[in-house]
Amino acid sequence: MTFLAEEASWRERRKKTQRTLGCMIRARRDVRVAATTEPRMRRAYFDCRFGQLHVHYAIPAGGGFDEATTLLCIPGAPGLGRFFRPLLLPLGRDRSVYAPDLPGSGESDPAPGMLDATSAAAALGDFLDWMHLRQVDLLAHEGGVNIALALASQRSAQVGRVVLSPNTDAVRADARSLRQPQLVIDLRPADAGGHNAAELERQAAQLRDFLGLA
């Protein structure tokens, strides 16, 4: 093989090596980007009039500064925010999502005496003030529906869109009483004992369509 032929062969091998290295670098970069696009799942305590609220939450990978309107999830009995945990990951990619234990439930401090929907809504309003949230959307399930209705009434200018569950005649009637845009869905399959990934993604897509989570 002549010198020129050897040099040409060496250049071709070098080009192939550079292309391979480039593909490997891009693949590693894509893996890092994919990893950082998943929301951060956390738990924390926040102040309210009854002490502290224990809150499950998800924040977009970008830090939660450029996302859509914050979503507050209000559980039904027994008042545990972990009911919504399966949805925090798919919904938290686009916005901050908070799911508190209601006062007196889970790890949240109790309210003195019986906790009615109005008092529970006021406690959640304290949380919104503590977080300096000017606008919030609501997602409420079963007994949380009455709390969401009370919160939407107490803070009509602050509450944007409202999603209520389950999809029953009574809940649809409650939804019609709201001034805010509303959606009635059925979150029962998303309970921790009966959800699956496909169902959660379907529900998350339905919520994104309504709430504007592009």
N, C-alpha and C. Protein backbone atom coordinates (compact mmCIF):
# COMPACT_ATOMS: atom_id res chain seq x y z
N MET A 1 0.86 -1.21 0.00
CA MET A 1 0.00 0.00 0.00
C MET A 1 0.88 1.24 0.00
N THR A 2 0.58 2.15 -0.88
CA THR A 2 1.38 3.36 -0.98
C THR A 2 1.13 4.26 0.21
N PHE A 3 2.04 5.24 0.37
CA PHE A 3 1.89 6.19 1.47
C PHE A 3 0.58 6.95 1.39
N LEU A 4 0.20 7.38 0.17
CA LEU A 4 -1.04 8.14 0.01
C LEU A 4 -2.26 7.29 0.35
N ALA A 5 -2.20 6.00 -0.05
CA ALA A 5 -3.32 5.11 0.26
C ALA A 5 -3.43 4.89 1.77
N GLU A 6 -2.26 4.69 2.44
CA GLU A 6 -2.27 4.50 3.89
C GLU A 6 -2.83 5.73 4.59
N GLU A 7 -2.42 6.92 4.13
CA GLU A 7 -2.92 8.16 4.74
C GLU A 7 -4.42 8.29 4.55
N ALA A 8 -4.93 7.96 3.35
CA ALA A 8 -6.36 8.03 3.10
C ALA A 8 -7.12 7.06 3.99
N SER A 9 -6.58 5.85 4.15
CA SER A 9 -7.22 4.86 5.03
C SER A 9 -7.25 5.34 6.47
N TRP A 10 -6.12 5.94 6.90
CA TRP A 10 -6.06 6.46 8.28
C TRP A 10 -7.07 7.58 8.50
N ARG A 11 -7.20 8.46 7.51
CA ARG A 11 -8.16 9.56 7.63
C ARG A 11 -9.60 9.02 7.72
N GLU A 12 -9.88 7.98 6.92
CA GLU A 12 -11.23 7.41 6.93
C GLU A 12 -11.52 6.77 8.29
N ARG A 13 -10.52 6.01 8.85
CA ARG A 13 -10.71 5.41 10.17
C ARG A 13 -10.91 6.48 11.23
N ARG A 14 -10.18 7.59 11.11
CA ARG A 14 -10.30 8.69 12.08
C ARG A 14 -11.69 9.31 12.02
N LYS A 15 -12.21 9.48 10.79
CA LYS A 15 -13.56 10.03 10.64
C LYS A 15 -14.59 9.12 11.28
N LYS A 16 -14.47 7.81 11.07
CA LYS A 16 -15.40 6.85 11.66
C LYS A 16 -15.34 6.90 13.19
N THR A 17 -14.10 7.00 13.72
CA THR A 17 -13.94 7.07 15.17
C THR A 17 -14.58 8.34 15.73
N GLN A 18 -14.38 9.46 15.04
CA GLN A 18 -14.96 10.72 15.49
C GLN A 18 -16.48 10.67 15.45
N ARG A 19 -17.03 10.04 14.38
CA ARG A 19 -18.48 9.91 14.30
C ARG A 19 -19.01 9.05 15.44
N THR A 20 -18.31 7.96 15.74
CA THR A 20 -18.73 7.09 16.84
C THR A 20 -18.68 7.81 18.17
N LEU A 21 -17.57 8.54 18.42
CA LEU A 21 -17.45 9.29 19.66
C LEU A 21 -18.55 10.36 19.76
N GLY A 22 -18.82 11.01 18.63
CA GLY A 22 -19.89 12.02 18.62
C GLY A 22 -21.23 11.44 18.98
N CYS A 23 -21.53 10.26 18.44
CA CYS A 23 -22.80 9.59 18.76
C CYS A 23 -22.86 9.23 20.24
N MET A 24 -21.74 8.74 20.80
CA MET A 24 -21.70 8.38 22.21
C MET A 24 -21.92 9.60 23.09
N ILE A 25 -21.28 10.72 22.74
CA ILE A 25 -21.42 11.94 23.53
C ILE A 25 -22.86 12.44 23.49
N ARG A 26 -23.45 12.43 22.28
CA ARG A 26 -24.84 12.87 22.16
C ARG A 26 -25.77 11.96 22.94
N ALA A 27 -25.50 10.66 22.92
CA ALA A 27 -26.34 9.71 23.66
C ALA A 27 -26.27 9.98 25.15
N ARG A 28 -25.03 10.21 25.68
CA ARG A 28 -24.89 10.51 27.09
C ARG A 28 -25.60 11.81 27.45
N ARG A 29 -25.48 12.83 26.55
CA ARG A 29 -26.15 14.11 26.79
C ARG A 29 -27.67 13.92 26.81
N ASP A 30 -28.19 13.11 25.88
CA ASP A 30 -29.64 12.86 25.84
C ASP A 30 -30.11 12.17 27.10
N VAL A 31 -29.29 11.24 27.64
CA VAL A 31 -29.66 10.56 28.89
C VAL A 31 -29.71 11.55 30.03
N ARG A 32 -28.69 12.47 30.10
CA ARG A 32 -28.68 13.46 31.17
C ARG A 32 -29.88 14.38 31.07
N VAL A 33 -30.21 14.83 29.84
CA VAL A 33 -31.36 15.72 29.66
C VAL A 33 -32.63 15.02 30.06
N ALA A 34 -32.78 13.75 29.63
CA ALA A 34 -33.99 13.00 29.98
C ALA A 34 -34.13 12.87 31.48
N ALA A 35 -32.98 12.63 32.15
CA ALA A 35 -33.04 12.46 33.60
C ALA A 35 -33.46 13.73 34.30
N THR A 36 -33.00 14.88 33.77
CA THR A 36 -33.29 16.12 34.45
C THR A 36 -34.67 16.67 34.10
N THR A 37 -35.37 16.06 33.13
CA THR A 37 -36.70 16.55 32.80
C THR A 37 -37.77 15.97 33.71
N GLU A 38 -37.44 14.95 34.48
CA GLU A 38 -38.41 14.38 35.41
C GLU A 38 -38.53 15.31 36.63
N PRO A 39 -39.74 15.50 37.14
CA PRO A 39 -39.90 16.40 38.29
C PRO A 39 -39.27 15.83 39.55
N ARG A 40 -39.00 16.73 40.48
CA ARG A 40 -38.45 16.33 41.78
C ARG A 40 -39.61 16.09 42.74
N MET A 41 -39.66 14.91 43.31
CA MET A 41 -40.72 14.52 44.24
C MET A 41 -40.20 14.74 45.67
N ARG A 42 -40.97 15.46 46.48
CA ARG A 42 -40.54 15.80 47.82
C ARG A 42 -41.72 15.75 48.79
N ARG A 43 -41.41 15.85 50.07
CA ARG A 43 -42.39 16.07 51.13
C ARG A 43 -41.85 17.16 52.04
N ALA A 44 -42.76 17.97 52.59
CA ALA A 44 -42.32 19.05 53.47
C ALA A 44 -43.48 19.50 54.34
N TYR A 45 -43.17 20.37 55.31
CA TYR A 45 -44.18 20.94 56.20
C TYR A 45 -44.31 22.43 55.93
N PHE A 46 -45.55 22.91 55.93
CA PHE A 46 -45.83 24.32 55.70
C PHE A 46 -46.81 24.81 56.77
N ASP A 47 -46.70 26.08 57.11
CA ASP A 47 -47.53 26.63 58.18
C ASP A 47 -48.96 26.89 57.72
N CYS A 48 -49.89 26.69 58.65
CA CYS A 48 -51.28 27.12 58.46
C CYS A 48 -51.82 27.49 59.84
N ARG A 49 -53.07 27.92 59.90
CA ARG A 49 -53.64 28.40 61.16
C ARG A 49 -53.75 27.33 62.23
N PHE A 50 -53.67 26.06 61.85
CA PHE A 50 -53.80 24.97 62.82
C PHE A 50 -52.46 24.34 63.18
N GLY A 51 -51.38 24.93 62.72
CA GLY A 51 -50.05 24.36 62.97
C GLY A 51 -49.33 24.16 61.66
N GLN A 52 -49.00 22.90 61.35
CA GLN A 52 -48.28 22.61 60.12
C GLN A 52 -49.04 21.60 59.26
N LEU A 53 -48.97 21.84 57.96
CA LEU A 53 -49.51 20.91 56.98
C LEU A 53 -48.37 20.08 56.40
N HIS A 54 -48.58 18.78 56.39
CA HIS A 54 -47.63 17.89 55.73
C HIS A 54 -48.06 17.76 54.27
N VAL A 55 -47.11 18.02 53.34
CA VAL A 55 -47.47 18.13 51.92
C VAL A 55 -46.56 17.26 51.07
N HIS A 56 -47.17 16.45 50.22
CA HIS A 56 -46.46 15.77 49.14
C HIS A 56 -46.45 16.73 47.95
N TYR A 57 -45.32 16.82 47.26
CA TYR A 57 -45.32 17.74 46.13
C TYR A 57 -44.29 17.34 45.08
N ALA A 58 -44.50 17.87 43.88
CA ALA A 58 -43.58 17.67 42.76
C ALA A 58 -43.29 19.03 42.14
N ILE A 59 -42.03 19.25 41.80
CA ILE A 59 -41.59 20.51 41.17
C ILE A 59 -40.89 20.16 39.86
N PRO A 60 -41.21 20.88 38.77
CA PRO A 60 -40.53 20.60 37.49
C PRO A 60 -39.02 20.69 37.62
N ALA A 61 -38.35 19.97 36.75
CA ALA A 61 -36.88 19.90 36.82
C ALA A 61 -36.23 21.26 36.69
N GLY A 62 -36.90 22.19 36.02
CA GLY A 62 -36.32 23.51 35.85
C GLY A 62 -36.38 24.38 37.08
N GLY A 63 -36.97 23.88 38.16
CA GLY A 63 -37.03 24.63 39.41
C GLY A 63 -38.38 25.22 39.71
N GLY A 64 -39.34 25.09 38.78
CA GLY A 64 -40.69 25.54 39.06
C GLY A 64 -40.94 27.01 38.80
N PHE A 65 -40.09 27.65 37.97
CA PHE A 65 -40.24 29.09 37.74
C PHE A 65 -40.91 29.42 36.41
N ASP A 66 -40.89 28.49 35.47
CA ASP A 66 -41.41 28.78 34.14
C ASP A 66 -42.59 27.87 33.78
N GLU A 67 -43.16 27.21 34.76
CA GLU A 67 -44.21 26.25 34.45
C GLU A 67 -45.58 26.90 34.45
N ALA A 68 -46.60 26.10 34.20
CA ALA A 68 -47.98 26.57 34.19
C ALA A 68 -48.47 26.79 35.62
N THR A 69 -49.74 27.12 35.74
CA THR A 69 -50.31 27.44 37.05
C THR A 69 -50.17 26.27 38.03
N THR A 70 -49.82 26.59 39.26
CA THR A 70 -49.69 25.58 40.30
C THR A 70 -51.00 24.83 40.51
N LEU A 71 -50.88 23.52 40.79
CA LEU A 71 -52.05 22.68 41.03
C LEU A 71 -52.06 22.24 42.49
N LEU A 72 -53.19 22.49 43.17
CA LEU A 72 -53.38 22.05 44.55
C LEU A 72 -54.37 20.90 44.55
N CYS A 73 -53.95 19.77 45.11
CA CYS A 73 -54.77 18.55 45.14
C CYS A 73 -55.37 18.37 46.53
N ILE A 74 -56.68 18.18 46.58
CA ILE A 74 -57.39 18.09 47.86
C ILE A 74 -58.02 16.70 47.98
N PRO A 75 -57.55 15.90 48.94
CA PRO A 75 -58.04 14.52 49.03
C PRO A 75 -59.37 14.40 49.76
N GLY A 76 -60.03 13.29 49.53
CA GLY A 76 -61.18 12.93 50.34
C GLY A 76 -60.75 12.13 51.55
N ALA A 77 -61.71 11.52 52.25
CA ALA A 77 -61.38 10.72 53.43
C ALA A 77 -60.44 9.58 53.03
N PRO A 78 -59.43 9.32 53.87
CA PRO A 78 -59.13 9.89 55.18
C PRO A 78 -58.27 11.16 55.16
N GLY A 79 -58.28 11.90 54.10
CA GLY A 79 -57.59 13.18 54.07
C GLY A 79 -56.11 13.12 53.81
N LEU A 80 -55.65 12.07 53.14
CA LEU A 80 -54.21 11.88 52.93
C LEU A 80 -53.80 12.30 51.53
N GLY A 81 -52.82 13.19 51.46
CA GLY A 81 -52.34 13.67 50.17
C GLY A 81 -51.70 12.58 49.33
N ARG A 82 -51.27 11.49 49.95
CA ARG A 82 -50.60 10.44 49.16
C ARG A 82 -51.54 9.78 48.16
N PHE A 83 -52.86 10.00 48.30
CA PHE A 83 -53.78 9.49 47.28
C PHE A 83 -53.36 9.98 45.89
N PHE A 84 -52.81 11.20 45.81
CA PHE A 84 -52.47 11.79 44.53
C PHE A 84 -51.04 11.50 44.08
N ARG A 85 -50.27 10.81 44.90
CA ARG A 85 -48.85 10.59 44.58
C ARG A 85 -48.65 9.95 43.21
N PRO A 86 -49.49 8.97 42.80
CA PRO A 86 -49.26 8.40 41.47
C PRO A 86 -49.36 9.42 40.34
N LEU A 87 -50.09 10.52 40.56
CA LEU A 87 -50.25 11.54 39.52
C LEU A 87 -49.22 12.67 39.62
N LEU A 88 -48.48 12.74 40.73
CA LEU A 88 -47.53 13.84 40.88
C LEU A 88 -46.45 13.83 39.81
N LEU A 89 -45.96 12.64 39.48
CA LEU A 89 -44.88 12.55 38.50
C LEU A 89 -45.33 13.00 37.11
N PRO A 90 -46.41 12.42 36.55
CA PRO A 90 -46.80 12.87 35.20
C PRO A 90 -47.29 14.31 35.14
N LEU A 91 -47.90 14.81 36.22
CA LEU A 91 -48.39 16.19 36.20
C LEU A 91 -47.29 17.19 36.55
N GLY A 92 -46.33 16.77 37.36
CA GLY A 92 -45.29 17.68 37.83
C GLY A 92 -44.24 18.01 36.80
N ARG A 93 -44.34 17.44 35.61
CA ARG A 93 -43.38 17.79 34.56
C ARG A 93 -43.57 19.21 34.06
N ASP A 94 -44.80 19.74 34.23
CA ASP A 94 -45.13 21.03 33.66
C ASP A 94 -45.43 22.12 34.68
N ARG A 95 -45.72 21.72 35.89
CA ARG A 95 -46.10 22.70 36.92
C ARG A 95 -45.81 22.11 38.29
N SER A 96 -45.77 22.97 39.30
CA SER A 96 -45.66 22.49 40.67
C SER A 96 -47.02 21.94 41.11
N VAL A 97 -46.99 20.79 41.76
CA VAL A 97 -48.21 20.12 42.20
C VAL A 97 -48.07 19.81 43.70
N TYR A 98 -49.06 20.24 44.49
CA TYR A 98 -49.03 20.05 45.94
C TYR A 98 -50.23 19.22 46.38
N ALA A 99 -49.97 18.23 47.22
CA ALA A 99 -51.03 17.36 47.72
C ALA A 99 -50.90 17.24 49.24
N PRO A 100 -51.55 18.12 50.01
CA PRO A 100 -51.38 18.12 51.46
C PRO A 100 -52.23 17.05 52.16
N ASP A 101 -51.73 16.60 53.31
CA ASP A 101 -52.59 15.92 54.27
C ASP A 101 -53.47 16.98 54.92
N LEU A 102 -54.77 16.77 54.95
CA LEU A 102 -55.65 17.76 55.56
C LEU A 102 -55.38 17.87 57.06
N PRO A 103 -55.70 18.99 57.69
CA PRO A 103 -55.47 19.14 59.13
C PRO A 103 -56.09 17.98 59.92
N GLY A 104 -55.29 17.38 60.79
CA GLY A 104 -55.75 16.25 61.58
C GLY A 104 -55.62 14.91 60.89
N SER A 105 -55.12 14.90 59.66
CA SER A 105 -54.94 13.65 58.91
C SER A 105 -53.47 13.45 58.60
N GLY A 106 -53.07 12.19 58.50
CA GLY A 106 -51.69 11.89 58.17
C GLY A 106 -50.72 12.53 59.15
N GLU A 107 -49.79 13.31 58.64
CA GLU A 107 -48.77 13.94 59.47
C GLU A 107 -49.01 15.43 59.67
N SER A 108 -50.21 15.91 59.33
CA SER A 108 -50.55 17.32 59.57
C SER A 108 -51.10 17.51 60.98
N ASP A 109 -50.83 18.69 61.55
CA ASP A 109 -51.35 18.99 62.88
C ASP A 109 -52.88 19.08 62.85
N PRO A 110 -53.52 18.69 63.95
CA PRO A 110 -54.98 18.70 63.97
C PRO A 110 -55.55 20.10 64.21
N ALA A 111 -56.78 20.28 63.75
CA ALA A 111 -57.54 21.49 64.08
C ALA A 111 -58.27 21.25 65.41
N PRO A 112 -58.50 22.30 66.18
CA PRO A 112 -59.27 22.12 67.42
C PRO A 112 -60.73 21.82 67.08
N GLY A 113 -61.25 20.73 67.61
CA GLY A 113 -62.64 20.38 67.33
C GLY A 113 -62.79 19.76 65.95
N MET A 114 -64.03 19.72 65.48
CA MET A 114 -64.33 19.12 64.18
C MET A 114 -63.89 20.05 63.05
N LEU A 115 -63.36 19.45 62.02
CA LEU A 115 -62.90 20.22 60.86
C LEU A 115 -63.97 20.18 59.77
N ASP A 116 -64.58 21.32 59.47
CA ASP A 116 -65.55 21.35 58.39
C ASP A 116 -64.88 21.85 57.12
N ALA A 117 -65.62 21.84 56.01
CA ALA A 117 -65.04 22.21 54.72
C ALA A 117 -64.56 23.65 54.71
N THR A 118 -65.29 24.54 55.36
CA THR A 118 -64.91 25.95 55.38
C THR A 118 -63.58 26.15 56.10
N SER A 119 -63.42 25.49 57.25
CA SER A 119 -62.17 25.62 58.01
C SER A 119 -61.01 24.98 57.27
N ALA A 120 -61.26 23.82 56.66
CA ALA A 120 -60.19 23.16 55.90
C ALA A 120 -59.75 24.04 54.73
N ALA A 121 -60.72 24.67 54.06
CA ALA A 121 -60.39 25.56 52.95
C ALA A 121 -59.58 26.75 53.43
N ALA A 122 -59.92 27.28 54.59
CA ALA A 122 -59.17 28.41 55.14
C ALA A 122 -57.73 28.02 55.45
N ALA A 123 -57.54 26.79 55.96
CA ALA A 123 -56.18 26.32 56.24
C ALA A 123 -55.38 26.18 54.95
N LEU A 124 -56.02 25.67 53.89
CA LEU A 124 -55.33 25.57 52.60
C LEU A 124 -55.06 26.96 52.03
N GLY A 125 -55.94 27.91 52.31
CA GLY A 125 -55.68 29.29 51.91
C GLY A 125 -54.45 29.85 52.59
N ASP A 126 -54.25 29.48 53.87
CA ASP A 126 -53.03 29.90 54.56
C ASP A 126 -51.79 29.36 53.84
N PHE A 127 -51.88 28.11 53.38
CA PHE A 127 -50.78 27.50 52.64
C PHE A 127 -50.50 28.29 51.36
N LEU A 128 -51.55 28.66 50.65
CA LEU A 128 -51.36 29.44 49.42
C LEU A 128 -50.68 30.77 49.71
N ASP A 129 -51.07 31.41 50.82
CA ASP A 129 -50.44 32.67 51.21
C ASP A 129 -48.97 32.46 51.58
N TRP A 130 -48.71 31.39 52.31
CA TRP A 130 -47.34 31.08 52.73
C TRP A 130 -46.45 30.89 51.51
N MET A 131 -47.02 30.29 50.45
CA MET A 131 -46.27 30.03 49.23
C MET A 131 -46.27 31.21 48.26
N HIS A 132 -47.01 32.28 48.60
CA HIS A 132 -47.11 33.47 47.73
C HIS A 132 -47.62 33.10 46.34
N LEU A 133 -48.64 32.26 46.30
CA LEU A 133 -49.22 31.83 45.03
C LEU A 133 -50.35 32.78 44.66
N ARG A 134 -50.20 33.47 43.55
CA ARG A 134 -51.23 34.41 43.11
C ARG A 134 -52.36 33.72 42.36
N GLN A 135 -52.06 32.56 41.75
CA GLN A 135 -53.05 31.82 40.98
C GLN A 135 -52.85 30.33 41.23
N VAL A 136 -53.94 29.59 41.35
CA VAL A 136 -53.85 28.16 41.60
C VAL A 136 -55.04 27.46 40.96
N ASP A 137 -54.80 26.27 40.45
CA ASP A 137 -55.87 25.39 39.99
C ASP A 137 -56.10 24.32 41.06
N LEU A 138 -57.29 23.74 41.07
CA LEU A 138 -57.65 22.77 42.10
C LEU A 138 -58.01 21.43 41.47
N LEU A 139 -57.60 20.36 42.16
CA LEU A 139 -58.00 19.00 41.82
C LEU A 139 -58.48 18.35 43.11
N ALA A 140 -59.76 17.98 43.19
CA ALA A 140 -60.34 17.48 44.43
C ALA A 140 -61.05 16.15 44.19
N HIS A 141 -60.96 15.29 45.18
CA HIS A 141 -61.56 13.95 45.08
C HIS A 141 -62.48 13.71 46.27
N GLU A 142 -63.68 13.17 45.98
CA GLU A 142 -64.66 12.77 46.99
C GLU A 142 -64.89 13.86 48.03
N GLY A 143 -64.56 13.61 49.32
CA GLY A 143 -64.81 14.61 50.35
C GLY A 143 -64.05 15.90 50.15
N GLY A 144 -62.99 15.86 49.34
CA GLY A 144 -62.26 17.08 49.04
C GLY A 144 -63.03 18.03 48.14
N VAL A 145 -64.10 17.53 47.50
CA VAL A 145 -64.89 18.38 46.61
C VAL A 145 -65.49 19.54 47.37
N ASN A 146 -66.08 19.28 48.54
CA ASN A 146 -66.68 20.36 49.33
C ASN A 146 -65.63 21.38 49.77
N ILE A 147 -64.43 20.91 50.07
CA ILE A 147 -63.35 21.83 50.44
C ILE A 147 -62.96 22.69 49.24
N ALA A 148 -62.89 22.07 48.07
CA ALA A 148 -62.55 22.83 46.86
C ALA A 148 -63.63 23.87 46.56
N LEU A 149 -64.89 23.53 46.74
CA LEU A 149 -65.97 24.49 46.51
C LEU A 149 -65.85 25.67 47.47
N ALA A 150 -65.53 25.36 48.75
CA ALA A 150 -65.38 26.42 49.74
C ALA A 150 -64.18 27.31 49.40
N LEU A 151 -63.06 26.70 48.99
CA LEU A 151 -61.86 27.47 48.66
C LEU A 151 -62.10 28.33 47.42
N ALA A 152 -62.80 27.77 46.42
CA ALA A 152 -63.10 28.55 45.23
C ALA A 152 -64.01 29.72 45.54
N SER A 153 -64.86 29.57 46.55
CA SER A 153 -65.73 30.66 46.95
C SER A 153 -64.96 31.70 47.76
N GLN A 154 -64.13 31.24 48.69
CA GLN A 154 -63.36 32.15 49.53
C GLN A 154 -62.34 32.95 48.71
N ARG A 155 -61.79 32.34 47.67
CA ARG A 155 -60.70 32.97 46.91
C ARG A 155 -61.00 32.87 45.42
N SER A 156 -62.14 33.43 45.05
CA SER A 156 -62.60 33.29 43.66
C SER A 156 -61.63 33.90 42.66
N ALA A 157 -60.95 34.97 43.03
CA ALA A 157 -60.02 35.61 42.11
C ALA A 157 -58.70 34.85 42.01
N GLN A 158 -58.40 34.03 43.02
CA GLN A 158 -57.14 33.31 43.07
C GLN A 158 -57.24 31.93 42.43
N VAL A 159 -58.42 31.32 42.50
CA VAL A 159 -58.62 29.98 41.96
C VAL A 159 -58.99 30.07 40.49
N GLY A 160 -58.21 29.39 39.64
CA GLY A 160 -58.46 29.41 38.21
C GLY A 160 -59.41 28.31 37.78
N ARG A 161 -58.87 27.16 37.44
CA ARG A 161 -59.67 26.03 36.97
C ARG A 161 -59.84 25.01 38.09
N VAL A 162 -60.95 24.27 38.04
CA VAL A 162 -61.27 23.31 39.09
C VAL A 162 -61.61 21.96 38.46
N VAL A 163 -60.94 20.90 38.94
CA VAL A 163 -61.23 19.54 38.50
C VAL A 163 -61.77 18.77 39.70
N LEU A 164 -62.93 18.13 39.50
CA LEU A 164 -63.60 17.41 40.58
C LEU A 164 -63.74 15.93 40.22
N SER A 165 -63.67 15.07 41.23
CA SER A 165 -63.80 13.63 41.06
C SER A 165 -64.54 13.05 42.28
N PRO A 166 -65.34 11.99 42.10
CA PRO A 166 -65.54 11.19 40.91
C PRO A 166 -66.65 11.75 40.02
N ASN A 167 -66.82 11.13 38.89
CA ASN A 167 -67.80 11.59 37.91
C ASN A 167 -69.17 11.01 38.25
N THR A 168 -69.85 11.68 39.18
CA THR A 168 -71.17 11.25 39.61
C THR A 168 -72.16 12.40 39.41
N ASP A 169 -73.45 12.09 39.51
CA ASP A 169 -74.48 13.12 39.35
C ASP A 169 -74.29 14.23 40.39
N ALA A 170 -74.00 13.83 41.64
CA ALA A 170 -73.85 14.82 42.71
C ALA A 170 -72.66 15.74 42.45
N VAL A 171 -71.54 15.19 42.02
CA VAL A 171 -70.35 16.00 41.77
C VAL A 171 -70.55 16.89 40.54
N ARG A 172 -71.22 16.38 39.53
CA ARG A 172 -71.51 17.23 38.36
C ARG A 172 -72.40 18.40 38.75
N ALA A 173 -73.35 18.17 39.67
CA ALA A 173 -74.19 19.26 40.15
C ALA A 173 -73.36 20.28 40.92
N ASP A 174 -72.42 19.79 41.74
CA ASP A 174 -71.53 20.71 42.45
C ASP A 174 -70.70 21.53 41.47
N ALA A 175 -70.22 20.90 40.41
CA ALA A 175 -69.40 21.60 39.43
C ALA A 175 -70.16 22.73 38.76
N ARG A 176 -71.44 22.51 38.51
CA ARG A 176 -72.23 23.55 37.85
C ARG A 176 -72.43 24.79 38.72
N SER A 177 -72.20 24.65 40.02
CA SER A 177 -72.35 25.80 40.91
C SER A 177 -71.12 26.71 40.90
N LEU A 178 -70.04 26.26 40.27
CA LEU A 178 -68.80 27.03 40.27
C LEU A 178 -68.82 28.11 39.20
N ARG A 179 -68.17 29.22 39.51
CA ARG A 179 -67.97 30.29 38.52
C ARG A 179 -66.75 30.00 37.66
N GLN A 180 -65.81 29.23 38.20
CA GLN A 180 -64.58 28.92 37.48
C GLN A 180 -64.83 27.82 36.44
N PRO A 181 -64.00 27.75 35.41
CA PRO A 181 -64.06 26.61 34.47
C PRO A 181 -63.85 25.31 35.24
N GLN A 182 -64.65 24.31 34.92
CA GLN A 182 -64.58 23.07 35.69
C GLN A 182 -64.58 21.84 34.78
N LEU A 183 -64.02 20.78 35.33
CA LEU A 183 -63.99 19.48 34.66
C LEU A 183 -64.30 18.42 35.70
N VAL A 184 -65.14 17.46 35.36
CA VAL A 184 -65.47 16.35 36.24
C VAL A 184 -64.90 15.08 35.62
N ILE A 185 -64.07 14.38 36.38
CA ILE A 185 -63.45 13.14 35.90
C ILE A 185 -63.59 12.09 37.00
N ASP A 186 -63.04 10.91 36.73
CA ASP A 186 -63.10 9.82 37.70
C ASP A 186 -61.68 9.39 38.04
N LEU A 187 -61.23 9.77 39.24
CA LEU A 187 -59.87 9.44 39.67
C LEU A 187 -59.77 8.14 40.44
N ARG A 188 -60.85 7.44 40.62
CA ARG A 188 -60.80 6.24 41.43
C ARG A 188 -59.77 5.21 40.95
N PRO A 189 -59.59 5.03 39.62
CA PRO A 189 -58.55 4.08 39.22
C PRO A 189 -57.14 4.52 39.58
N ALA A 190 -56.95 5.80 39.93
CA ALA A 190 -55.60 6.29 40.26
C ALA A 190 -55.24 6.06 41.72
N ASP A 191 -56.14 5.45 42.49
CA ASP A 191 -55.82 5.18 43.88
C ASP A 191 -54.62 4.25 43.93
N ALA A 192 -53.86 4.37 45.03
CA ALA A 192 -52.59 3.64 45.14
C ALA A 192 -52.78 2.14 44.99
N GLY A 193 -53.98 1.61 45.29
CA GLY A 193 -54.18 0.17 45.21
C GLY A 193 -54.62 -0.31 43.85
N GLY A 194 -54.97 0.57 42.90
CA GLY A 194 -55.53 0.08 41.66
C GLY A 194 -55.09 0.80 40.41
N HIS A 195 -54.03 1.57 40.47
CA HIS A 195 -53.64 2.33 39.29
C HIS A 195 -52.67 1.52 38.43
N ASN A 196 -52.53 1.92 37.20
CA ASN A 196 -51.48 1.39 36.34
C ASN A 196 -50.94 2.55 35.52
N ALA A 197 -49.76 2.34 34.95
CA ALA A 197 -49.05 3.44 34.29
C ALA A 197 -49.86 4.00 33.13
N ALA A 198 -50.47 3.13 32.33
CA ALA A 198 -51.23 3.60 31.18
C ALA A 198 -52.42 4.45 31.61
N GLU A 199 -53.10 4.03 32.66
CA GLU A 199 -54.26 4.78 33.15
C GLU A 199 -53.83 6.13 33.71
N LEU A 200 -52.72 6.15 34.43
CA LEU A 200 -52.23 7.42 34.98
C LEU A 200 -51.85 8.39 33.87
N GLU A 201 -51.18 7.90 32.84
CA GLU A 201 -50.80 8.78 31.74
C GLU A 201 -52.04 9.29 31.00
N ARG A 202 -53.06 8.44 30.88
CA ARG A 202 -54.29 8.87 30.23
C ARG A 202 -54.96 9.99 31.04
N GLN A 203 -55.03 9.79 32.37
CA GLN A 203 -55.62 10.81 33.22
C GLN A 203 -54.79 12.10 33.20
N ALA A 204 -53.46 11.95 33.23
CA ALA A 204 -52.60 13.13 33.20
C ALA A 204 -52.79 13.91 31.90
N ALA A 205 -52.93 13.19 30.78
CA ALA A 205 -53.14 13.86 29.49
C ALA A 205 -54.48 14.59 29.49
N GLN A 206 -55.51 13.96 30.08
CA GLN A 206 -56.82 14.61 30.17
C GLN A 206 -56.74 15.89 31.00
N LEU A 207 -56.00 15.83 32.09
CA LEU A 207 -55.84 17.01 32.95
C LEU A 207 -55.02 18.08 32.25
N ARG A 208 -53.97 17.70 31.54
CA ARG A 208 -53.16 18.68 30.82
C ARG A 208 -53.99 19.42 29.77
N ASP A 209 -54.84 18.65 29.08
CA ASP A 209 -55.69 19.28 28.06
C ASP A 209 -56.58 20.36 28.67
N PHE A 210 -57.11 20.08 29.86
CA PHE A 210 -58.01 21.04 30.50
C PHE A 210 -57.27 22.18 31.18
N LEU A 211 -56.19 21.85 31.86
CA LEU A 211 -55.48 22.84 32.66
C LEU A 211 -54.45 23.63 31.85
N GLY A 212 -54.19 23.20 30.65
CA GLY A 212 -53.22 23.93 29.84
C GLY A 212 -51.80 23.48 30.06
N LEU A 213 -51.60 22.22 30.43
CA LEU A 213 -50.27 21.69 30.63
C LEU A 213 -49.74 21.18 29.30
N ALA A 214 -49.17 22.05 28.52
CA ALA A 214 -48.71 21.65 27.19
C ALA A 214 -47.43 20.82 27.31
